[in-house]
Protein backbone atom coordinates (compact mmCIF):
# COMPACT_ATOMS: atom_id res chain seq x y z
CA MET A 1 95.33 74.01 104.84
CA LYS A 2 98.32 76.17 104.02
CA THR A 3 98.14 78.55 101.08
CA LYS A 4 101.15 79.73 99.11
CA PHE A 5 101.35 83.36 98.10
CA PRO A 6 104.20 84.28 95.74
CA LEU A 7 106.20 87.18 97.13
CA SER A 8 108.86 87.17 94.47
CA LYS A 9 110.16 84.95 91.71
CA ASP A 10 112.60 83.34 94.15
CA SER A 11 110.45 82.87 97.26
CA LEU A 12 107.07 81.73 98.49
CA LEU A 13 105.43 82.63 101.77
CA ASN A 14 103.32 79.92 103.39
CA PHE A 15 100.40 81.16 105.43
CA SER A 16 97.12 79.80 106.70
CA SER A 17 95.25 83.07 107.27
CA ILE A 18 95.37 86.81 106.72
CA ILE A 19 94.98 89.42 109.45
CA THR A 20 93.87 92.96 108.60
CA HIS A 21 95.91 95.55 110.50
CA HIS A 22 94.44 99.06 110.84
CA ILE A 23 97.27 101.60 110.80
CA SER A 24 97.25 103.96 113.79
CA PRO A 25 98.74 107.46 113.87
CA GLY A 26 102.50 107.33 114.39
CA GLU A 27 102.93 103.68 113.39
CA SER A 28 105.69 102.76 110.97
CA LEU A 29 105.93 99.85 108.60
CA SER A 30 108.92 98.50 110.54
CA GLN A 31 106.97 98.59 113.83
CA ILE A 32 104.10 96.67 112.24
CA ALA A 33 106.50 94.16 110.65
CA ASP A 34 108.18 93.61 114.04
CA GLU A 35 104.82 93.15 115.76
CA TYR A 36 103.83 90.37 113.36
CA LYS A 37 107.35 88.93 112.97
CA ILE A 38 107.54 89.48 109.22
CA SER A 39 110.19 91.38 107.27
CA VAL A 40 109.42 94.87 105.99
CA LYS A 41 110.31 93.66 102.49
CA ASP A 42 107.83 90.76 102.65
CA LEU A 43 105.13 93.00 104.14
CA MET A 44 105.63 95.53 101.34
CA GLU A 45 105.56 92.84 98.65
CA PHE A 46 102.49 91.14 100.15
CA ASN A 47 100.60 94.45 100.14
CA GLU A 48 102.09 95.58 96.81
CA LEU A 49 103.57 98.73 98.36
CA LYS A 50 106.12 100.70 96.36
CA SER A 51 107.20 102.77 99.36
CA SER A 52 107.55 102.15 103.09
CA LYS A 53 105.47 105.28 103.71
CA ILE A 54 102.07 104.32 105.17
CA ILE A 55 98.98 106.37 105.97
CA SER A 56 97.12 106.36 109.28
CA GLY A 57 93.61 104.98 108.89
CA SER A 58 94.46 102.64 106.03
CA THR A 59 94.90 98.88 106.37
CA LEU A 60 97.55 96.26 105.69
CA ASP A 61 97.03 92.56 105.11
CA ILE A 62 99.29 90.47 107.33
CA PRO A 63 99.92 86.82 106.38
CA LYS A 64 99.80 84.39 109.31
C-alpha cells in the first residue's frame, strides 16, 4: 500500500516505506539525495530541515 506524505501545498510524494540513513563524516545532503534518487529540496522538506547543513552521526528518513 502506498502512503502519501505532503511535502508542500502543491505536491505529494508517494512512498511505500521509509529508510533511515545514518550520516557519515564528510557526507553532504546532495550526496545522500543523489544516492537515493530524491531531490535535495524534497529530502529537506521530508525531514523538516531548515538548512542543508547536516551533522555526522545523525539520521535522515528517506522515503522509498
